[in-house]
Amino acid sequence: MTLHEEPDYILEPDDYSLGWDDGAARCKIEAWIDKFAVEQFPEMNRIIVDCLRRHQDTCAT
């Protein structure tokens, strides 16, 4: 199962130039983290929990 197929670059090359500390880069990173937490983390969490449950079931038998 692929959770993330396309490149999702958080920052643009201009974000690394002289104005890197103006707060815009931080806002982009925070927005990306918020979006990731809502859109992708729940599925990743489900996969991890399912793997742990299968492992626990395997060890119990």
C-alpha atoms as a PDB file:
ATOM      1  CA  MET A   1       0.000   0.000   0.000  1.00  0.00           C
ATOM      2  CA  THR A   2       1.368   3.378  -0.981  1.00  0.00           C
ATOM      3  CA  LEU A   3       0.284   6.242   1.212  1.00  0.00           C
ATOM      4  CA  HIS A   4       2.144   9.014  -0.507  1.00  0.00           C
ATOM      5  CA  GLU A   5       2.888   8.897  -4.229  1.00  0.00           C
ATOM      6  CA  GLU A   6       3.557  12.389  -5.491  1.00  0.00           C
ATOM      7  CA  PRO A   7       6.353  14.661  -4.340  1.00  0.00           C
ATOM      8  CA  ASP A   8       5.084  17.153  -1.817  1.00  0.00           C
ATOM      9  CA  TYR A   9       7.734  19.786  -1.444  1.00  0.00           C
ATOM     10  CA  ILE A  10       7.014  21.979   1.525  1.00  0.00           C
ATOM     11  CA  LEU A  11       9.323  24.839   0.657  1.00  0.00           C
ATOM     12  CA  GLU A  12      10.220  26.516  -2.615  1.00  0.00           C
ATOM     13  CA  PRO A  13      13.796  27.471  -3.548  1.00  0.00           C
ATOM     14  CA  ASP A  14      12.954  31.111  -2.758  1.00  0.00           C
ATOM     15  CA  ASP A  15      12.224  30.108   0.835  1.00  0.00           C
ATOM     16  CA  TYR A  16      15.946  29.441   1.282  1.00  0.00           C
ATOM     17  CA  SER A  17      17.056  32.868   0.065  1.00  0.00           C
ATOM     18  CA  LEU A  18      17.712  36.049   2.022  1.00  0.00           C
ATOM     19  CA  GLY A  19      14.184  36.370   3.381  1.00  0.00           C
ATOM     20  CA  TRP A  20      14.098  32.838   4.775  1.00  0.00           C
ATOM     21  CA  ASP A  21      13.433  34.092   8.305  1.00  0.00           C
ATOM     22  CA  ASP A  22      10.441  36.324   7.512  1.00  0.00           C
ATOM     23  CA  GLY A  23       8.008  33.772   8.897  1.00  0.00           C
ATOM     24  CA  ALA A  24       6.583  32.610   5.564  1.00  0.00           C
ATOM     25  CA  ALA A  25       8.650  29.407   5.556  1.00  0.00           C
ATOM     26  CA  ARG A  26       7.504  28.612   9.081  1.00  0.00           C
ATOM     27  CA  CYS A  27       3.870  29.138   8.075  1.00  0.00           C
ATOM     28  CA  LYS A  28       4.295  26.799   5.084  1.00  0.00           C
ATOM     29  CA  ILE A  29       5.820  24.097   7.279  1.00  0.00           C
ATOM     30  CA  GLU A  30       3.099  24.447   9.915  1.00  0.00           C
ATOM     31  CA  ALA A  31       0.381  24.294   7.244  1.00  0.00           C
ATOM     32  CA  TRP A  32       1.970  21.159   5.748  1.00  0.00           C
ATOM     33  CA  ILE A  33       2.129  19.487   9.173  1.00  0.00           C
ATOM     34  CA  ASP A  34      -1.508  20.374   9.897  1.00  0.00           C
ATOM     35  CA  LYS A  35      -2.619  18.979   6.526  1.00  0.00           C
ATOM     36  CA  PHE A  36      -0.540  15.822   7.011  1.00  0.00           C
ATOM     37  CA  ALA A  37      -1.998  15.275  10.482  1.00  0.00           C
ATOM     38  CA  VAL A  38      -5.544  15.452   9.138  1.00  0.00           C
ATOM     39  CA  GLU A  39      -5.206  13.760   5.746  1.00  0.00           C
ATOM     40  CA  GLN A  40      -2.465  11.152   6.053  1.00  0.00           C
ATOM     41  CA  PHE A  41      -1.563  10.386   9.649  1.00  0.00           C
ATOM     42  CA  PRO A  42      -4.837   8.609  10.528  1.00  0.00           C
ATOM     43  CA  GLU A  43      -4.241   6.048   7.764  1.00  0.00           C
ATOM     44  CA  MET A  44      -0.605   5.580   8.788  1.00  0.00           C
ATOM     45  CA  ASN A  45      -1.705   5.132  12.389  1.00  0.00           C
ATOM     46  CA  ARG A  46      -4.289   2.525  11.351  1.00  0.00           C
ATOM     47  CA  ILE A  47      -1.666   0.554   9.422  1.00  0.00           C
ATOM     48  CA  ILE A  48       0.774   0.634  12.349  1.00  0.00           C
ATOM     49  CA  VAL A  49      -1.901  -0.432  14.844  1.00  0.00           C
ATOM     50  CA  ASP A  50      -3.023  -3.269  12.555  1.00  0.00           C
ATOM     51  CA  CYS A  51       0.573  -4.497  12.249  1.00  0.00           C
ATOM     52  CA  LEU A  52       1.017  -4.431  16.011  1.00  0.00           C
ATOM     53  CA  ARG A  53      -2.244  -6.321  16.509  1.00  0.00           C
ATOM     54  CA  ARG A  54      -1.201  -8.995  14.008  1.00  0.00           C
ATOM     55  CA  HIS A  55       2.168  -9.280  15.731  1.00  0.00           C
ATOM     56  CA  GLN A  56       0.492  -9.590  19.129  1.00  0.00           C
ATOM     57  CA  ASP A  57      -1.876 -12.254  17.782  1.00  0.00           C
ATOM     58  CA  THR A  58       1.065 -14.168  16.307  1.00  0.00           C
ATOM     59  CA  CYS A  59       2.964 -14.091  19.600  1.00  0.00           C
ATOM     60  CA  ALA A  60      -0.101 -15.199  21.568  1.00  0.00           C
ATOM     61  CA  THR A  61      -0.494 -18.415  19.594  1.00  0.00           C
END
